[in-house]
Protein backbone atom coordinates (compact mmCIF):
# COMPACT_ATOMS: atom_id res chain seq x y z
CA UNK A 1 37.13 -93.04 -16.85
CA UNK A 2 39.55 -92.69 -19.54
CA UNK A 3 37.29 -90.24 -21.22
CA UNK A 4 37.06 -88.21 -18.08
CA UNK A 5 40.81 -88.15 -17.77
CA UNK A 6 41.19 -86.93 -21.33
CA UNK A 7 38.60 -84.22 -20.75
CA UNK A 8 40.35 -83.12 -17.56
CA UNK A 9 43.70 -83.11 -19.42
CA UNK A 10 42.30 -80.97 -22.23
CA UNK A 11 40.74 -78.52 -19.75
CA UNK A 12 44.05 -78.30 -17.84
CA UNK A 13 45.96 -77.79 -21.07
CA UNK A 14 43.64 -75.00 -22.23
CA UNK A 15 43.86 -73.23 -18.90
CA UNK A 16 47.66 -73.43 -18.99
CA UNK A 17 47.63 -71.94 -22.48
CA UNK A 18 45.40 -69.15 -21.38
CA UNK A 19 47.64 -68.44 -18.40
CA UNK A 20 50.69 -68.31 -20.67
CA UNK A 21 48.90 -65.94 -23.04
CA UNK A 22 47.85 -63.70 -20.17
CA UNK A 23 51.44 -63.54 -18.81
CA UNK A 24 52.77 -62.78 -22.25
CA UNK A 25 50.26 -59.95 -22.68
CA UNK A 26 51.17 -58.65 -19.24
CA UNK A 27 54.85 -58.58 -20.10
CA UNK A 28 54.01 -56.62 -23.24
CA UNK A 29 51.99 -54.03 -21.26
CA UNK A 30 48.47 -55.25 -22.03
CA UNK A 31 45.93 -55.86 -19.34
CA UNK A 32 47.74 -54.21 -16.45
CA UNK A 33 45.96 -54.68 -13.23
CA UNK A 34 44.29 -51.60 -11.88
CA UNK A 35 44.65 -50.54 -8.34
CA UNK A 36 41.13 -51.09 -7.28
CA UNK A 37 41.32 -49.47 -3.86
CA UNK A 38 42.98 -46.24 -4.95
CA UNK A 39 40.94 -45.70 -8.12
CA UNK A 40 37.64 -46.43 -6.49
CA UNK A 41 38.49 -44.22 -3.53
CA UNK A 42 39.38 -41.33 -5.83
CA UNK A 43 36.13 -41.70 -7.76
CA UNK A 44 34.14 -41.84 -4.54
CA UNK A 45 35.93 -38.77 -3.16
CA UNK A 46 35.45 -36.92 -6.45
CA UNK A 47 31.73 -37.64 -6.61
CA UNK A 48 31.31 -36.96 -2.90
CA UNK A 49 33.02 -33.57 -3.30
CA UNK A 50 30.98 -32.79 -6.39
CA UNK A 51 27.77 -33.75 -4.58
CA UNK A 52 28.76 -31.67 -1.52
CA UNK A 53 29.50 -28.62 -3.71
CA UNK A 54 26.21 -29.00 -5.58
CA UNK A 55 24.34 -29.55 -2.34
CA UNK A 56 25.90 -26.48 -0.71
CA UNK A 57 25.28 -24.44 -3.84
CA UNK A 58 21.62 -25.49 -3.93
CA UNK A 59 21.29 -24.81 -0.19
CA UNK A 60 22.73 -21.30 -0.62
CA UNK A 61 20.57 -20.72 -3.66
CA UNK A 62 17.45 -21.77 -1.72
CA UNK A 63 18.47 -19.61 1.24
CA UNK A 64 18.93 -16.60 -1.04
CA UNK A 65 15.58 -17.28 -2.66
CA UNK A 66 13.95 -17.55 0.78
CA UNK A 67 15.50 -14.24 1.86
CA UNK A 68 14.43 -12.63 -1.39
CA UNK A 69 10.86 -13.84 -0.89
CA UNK A 70 10.90 -12.60 2.71
CA UNK A 71 12.13 -9.20 1.53
CA UNK A 72 9.44 -9.06 -1.14
CA UNK A 73 6.81 -10.01 1.44
CA UNK A 74 8.07 -7.33 3.83
CA UNK A 75 8.06 -4.79 0.99
CA UNK A 76 4.46 -5.74 0.14
CA UNK A 77 3.48 -5.39 3.80
CA UNK A 78 5.23 -2.00 3.98
CA UNK A 79 3.47 -0.86 0.80
CA UNK A 80 0.14 -2.04 2.21
CA UNK A 81 0.78 -0.09 5.41
CA UNK A 82 1.70 3.01 3.39
CA UNK A 83 -1.42 2.62 1.24
CA UNK A 84 -3.55 2.06 4.34
CA UNK A 85 -2.11 5.20 5.98
CA UNK A 86 -2.71 7.18 2.79
CA UNK A 87 -6.34 6.01 2.69
CA UNK A 88 -6.78 6.88 6.37
CA UNK A 89 -5.21 10.29 5.80
CA UNK A 90 -7.49 10.92 2.81
CA UNK A 91 -10.54 9.91 4.86
CA UNK A 92 -9.45 12.19 7.71
CA UNK A 93 -8.90 15.00 5.21
CA UNK A 94 -12.38 14.44 3.78
CA UNK A 95 -13.85 14.47 7.29
CA UNK A 96 -11.90 17.64 8.10
CA UNK A 97 -13.10 19.29 4.87
CA UNK A 98 -16.66 18.21 5.68
CA UNK A 99 -16.36 19.72 9.17
CA UNK A 100 -14.98 22.95 7.69
CA UNK A 101 -17.85 23.15 5.19
CA UNK A 102 -20.33 22.34 7.94
CA UNK A 103 -18.92 25.13 10.13
CA UNK A 104 -18.93 27.53 7.18
CA UNK A 105 -22.56 26.66 6.49
CA UNK A 106 -23.50 27.08 10.15
CA UNK A 107 -21.65 30.39 10.27
CA UNK A 108 -23.41 31.60 7.11
CA UNK A 109 -26.71 30.43 8.56
CA UNK A 110 -26.04 32.40 11.78
CA UNK A 111 -25.00 35.42 9.71
CA UNK A 112 -28.19 35.16 7.67
CA UNK A 113 -30.26 34.84 10.82
CA UNK A 114 -28.46 37.82 12.38
CA UNK A 115 -28.89 39.88 9.20
CA UNK A 116 -32.54 38.89 9.03
CA UNK A 117 -32.99 39.86 12.66
CA UNK A 118 -31.22 43.20 12.10
CA UNK A 119 -33.33 43.88 9.02
CA UNK A 120 -36.49 43.03 10.96
CA UNK A 121 -35.41 45.33 13.78
CA UNK A 122 -34.52 48.08 11.29
CA UNK A 123 -37.89 47.64 9.61
CA UNK A 124 -39.62 47.87 12.96
CA UNK A 125 -37.63 51.02 13.82
CA UNK A 126 -38.43 52.50 10.42
CA UNK A 127 -42.12 51.74 10.87
CA UNK A 128 -41.99 53.32 14.30
CA UNK A 129 -40.27 56.43 12.86
CA UNK A 130 -42.79 56.56 10.04
CA UNK A 131 -45.58 56.35 12.54
CA UNK A 132 -44.01 59.10 14.63
CA UNK A 133 -43.50 61.18 11.52
CA UNK A 134 -47.12 60.73 10.53
CA UNK A 135 -48.21 61.75 14.04
CA UNK A 136 -45.96 64.80 13.87
CA UNK A 137 -47.38 65.73 10.48
CA UNK A 138 -50.87 65.38 11.91
CA UNK A 139 -49.96 67.58 14.86
CA UNK A 140 -48.36 70.11 12.53
CA UNK A 141 -51.43 70.13 10.33
CA UNK A 142 -53.59 70.68 13.39
CA UNK A 143 -51.30 73.46 14.59
CA UNK A 144 -51.26 74.97 11.12
CA UNK A 145 -55.03 74.84 11.04
CA UNK A 146 -55.24 76.41 14.46
CA UNK A 147 -52.75 79.06 13.46
CA UNK A 148 -54.72 79.81 10.32
CA UNK A 149 -57.89 80.04 12.31
CA UNK A 150 -56.16 82.33 14.73
CA UNK A 151 -54.72 84.46 11.95
CA UNK A 152 -58.18 84.64 10.29
CA UNK A 153 -59.77 85.64 13.54
CA UNK A 154 -57.16 88.28 14.12
CA UNK A 155 -57.42 89.49 10.59
CA UNK A 156 -61.17 89.68 10.84
CA UNK A 157 -60.95 91.51 14.08
CA UNK A 158 -58.54 94.12 12.80
CA UNK A 159 -60.01 94.51 9.54
């Protein structure tokens, strides 16, 4: 027991010495106690504010990016629509040109047929005139022959 008492005394003595040293350091300005509540609260508020600012900044950045992507998508859709309309217009123009060429061809074909018909009719008329002319020449030859015969007969009679 005696040993235990001595051990307890030495522990008490050491703790008293440590307490004295700590008070002495405190009086000299070492080891001031911090205000735990205030300092911790400031740090929490600082980091909370920093986090809120970063969060809001990221949110705005993402919102801007989303709007930018939407605008790009709308621009692509608008360009596609313009391209689609241009293709449709080109196809319609090709169809219109084809129709024009088709009509031109049909008109030329009708003109050719009409010309051919006129030429055939003219040829028929010319053949008819030629035939009439040949008949007239025949008649004239016959009349000339008859006239010659008549003149010969008259000449023979008077001479």
